[in-house]
Amino acid sequence: MQSHPSPLISIARWGYLALSALIFALFADMLFIWPFGSMLGAGQWVHVGQGKKAGWQFHFDSGLQWLNSLFL
């Protein structure tokens, strides 16, 4: 006879899956969209921030702004 997992375990599994998807969505722009946009020449890298929080961000050309939110 096969035992079924408790509802709490099932909810925890779905929560883990949802959290993993959220983390992927947050980093999808930085890890996938920005590099491909850069290789295709669809925008430019811009230095943003000051001091210790300074970094680089890819900005798409005005006609391709929808690519930035492709995964979000």
C-alpha atoms as a PDB file:
ATOM      1  CA  MET A   1       0.000   0.000   0.000  1.00  0.00           C
ATOM      2  CA  GLN A   2       1.347   3.398  -0.987  1.00  0.00           C
ATOM      3  CA  SER A   3       1.288   6.277   1.483  1.00  0.00           C
ATOM      4  CA  HIS A   4       0.596   9.827   0.342  1.00  0.00           C
ATOM      5  CA  PRO A   5       2.673  12.776   1.586  1.00  0.00           C
ATOM      6  CA  SER A   6       0.995  15.106   4.030  1.00  0.00           C
ATOM      7  CA  PRO A   7      -0.526  18.349   2.644  1.00  0.00           C
ATOM      8  CA  LEU A   8       2.115  20.357   4.490  1.00  0.00           C
ATOM      9  CA  ILE A   9       4.926  18.602   2.617  1.00  0.00           C
ATOM     10  CA  SER A  10       3.106  19.169  -0.668  1.00  0.00           C
ATOM     11  CA  ILE A  11       2.734  22.894   0.109  1.00  0.00           C
ATOM     12  CA  ALA A  12       6.431  23.090   1.025  1.00  0.00           C
ATOM     13  CA  ARG A  13       7.388  21.527  -2.307  1.00  0.00           C
ATOM     14  CA  TRP A  14       5.262  24.045  -4.227  1.00  0.00           C
ATOM     15  CA  GLY A  15       6.707  26.864  -2.141  1.00  0.00           C
ATOM     16  CA  TYR A  16      10.232  25.732  -2.968  1.00  0.00           C
ATOM     17  CA  LEU A  17       9.348  25.594  -6.663  1.00  0.00           C
ATOM     18  CA  ALA A  18       7.800  29.079  -6.551  1.00  0.00           C
ATOM     19  CA  LEU A  19      10.822  30.493  -4.716  1.00  0.00           C
ATOM     20  CA  SER A  20      13.180  28.935  -7.250  1.00  0.00           C
ATOM     21  CA  ALA A  21      11.168  30.443 -10.119  1.00  0.00           C
ATOM     22  CA  LEU A  22      11.231  33.866  -8.450  1.00  0.00           C
ATOM     23  CA  ILE A  23      15.000  33.750  -7.985  1.00  0.00           C
ATOM     24  CA  PHE A  24      15.424  32.707 -11.623  1.00  0.00           C
ATOM     25  CA  ALA A  25      13.177  35.565 -12.773  1.00  0.00           C
ATOM     26  CA  LEU A  26      15.113  38.111 -10.723  1.00  0.00           C
ATOM     27  CA  PHE A  27      18.428  37.092 -12.233  1.00  0.00           C
ATOM     28  CA  ALA A  28      17.189  36.227 -15.736  1.00  0.00           C
ATOM     29  CA  ASP A  29      17.792  39.738 -17.053  1.00  0.00           C
ATOM     30  CA  MET A  30      21.329  39.869 -15.748  1.00  0.00           C
ATOM     31  CA  LEU A  31      22.324  36.312 -16.720  1.00  0.00           C
ATOM     32  CA  PHE A  32      20.556  35.820 -20.061  1.00  0.00           C
ATOM     33  CA  ILE A  33      18.819  38.877 -21.509  1.00  0.00           C
ATOM     34  CA  TRP A  34      21.580  41.471 -20.999  1.00  0.00           C
ATOM     35  CA  PRO A  35      24.417  39.365 -22.517  1.00  0.00           C
ATOM     36  CA  PHE A  36      22.334  38.408 -25.568  1.00  0.00           C
ATOM     37  CA  GLY A  37      21.235  42.015 -26.017  1.00  0.00           C
ATOM     38  CA  SER A  38      24.859  43.098 -25.850  1.00  0.00           C
ATOM     39  CA  MET A  39      25.986  40.492 -28.395  1.00  0.00           C
ATOM     40  CA  LEU A  40      23.200  41.537 -30.772  1.00  0.00           C
ATOM     41  CA  GLY A  41      24.038  45.236 -30.404  1.00  0.00           C
ATOM     42  CA  ALA A  42      20.543  46.014 -29.102  1.00  0.00           C
ATOM     43  CA  GLY A  43      21.644  48.637 -26.576  1.00  0.00           C
ATOM     44  CA  GLN A  44      24.573  49.795 -24.497  1.00  0.00           C
ATOM     45  CA  TRP A  45      26.195  49.242 -21.094  1.00  0.00           C
ATOM     46  CA  VAL A  46      25.754  52.165 -18.691  1.00  0.00           C
ATOM     47  CA  HIS A  47      27.656  52.813 -15.444  1.00  0.00           C
ATOM     48  CA  VAL A  48      25.107  53.306 -12.632  1.00  0.00           C
ATOM     49  CA  GLY A  49      25.459  54.211  -8.964  1.00  0.00           C
ATOM     50  CA  GLN A  50      28.239  55.753  -6.947  1.00  0.00           C
ATOM     51  CA  GLY A  51      30.777  54.543  -4.401  1.00  0.00           C
ATOM     52  CA  LYS A  52      30.558  50.937  -3.240  1.00  0.00           C
ATOM     53  CA  LYS A  53      27.165  50.398  -4.924  1.00  0.00           C
ATOM     54  CA  ALA A  54      28.414  51.372  -8.392  1.00  0.00           C
ATOM     55  CA  GLY A  55      28.012  48.866 -11.200  1.00  0.00           C
ATOM     56  CA  TRP A  56      27.090  48.340 -14.810  1.00  0.00           C
ATOM     57  CA  GLN A  57      23.637  47.847 -16.269  1.00  0.00           C
ATOM     58  CA  PHE A  58      22.566  47.115 -19.827  1.00  0.00           C
ATOM     59  CA  HIS A  59      20.017  49.512 -21.314  1.00  0.00           C
ATOM     60  CA  PHE A  60      18.138  48.416 -24.415  1.00  0.00           C
ATOM     61  CA  ASP A  61      17.438  50.795 -27.275  1.00  0.00           C
ATOM     62  CA  SER A  62      14.037  52.498 -27.086  1.00  0.00           C
ATOM     63  CA  GLY A  63      12.337  50.143 -29.566  1.00  0.00           C
ATOM     64  CA  LEU A  64      13.507  47.038 -27.700  1.00  0.00           C
ATOM     65  CA  GLN A  65      12.567  47.886 -24.105  1.00  0.00           C
ATOM     66  CA  TRP A  66      10.155  44.933 -24.024  1.00  0.00           C
ATOM     67  CA  LEU A  67      13.136  42.546 -24.066  1.00  0.00           C
ATOM     68  CA  ASN A  68      14.182  43.765 -20.632  1.00  0.00           C
ATOM     69  CA  SER A  69      11.012  42.366 -19.065  1.00  0.00           C
ATOM     70  CA  LEU A  70      10.835  39.174 -21.131  1.00  0.00           C
ATOM     71  CA  PHE A  71      11.210  36.856 -18.130  1.00  0.00           C
ATOM     72  CA  LEU A  72       9.483  39.054 -15.555  1.00  0.00           C
END
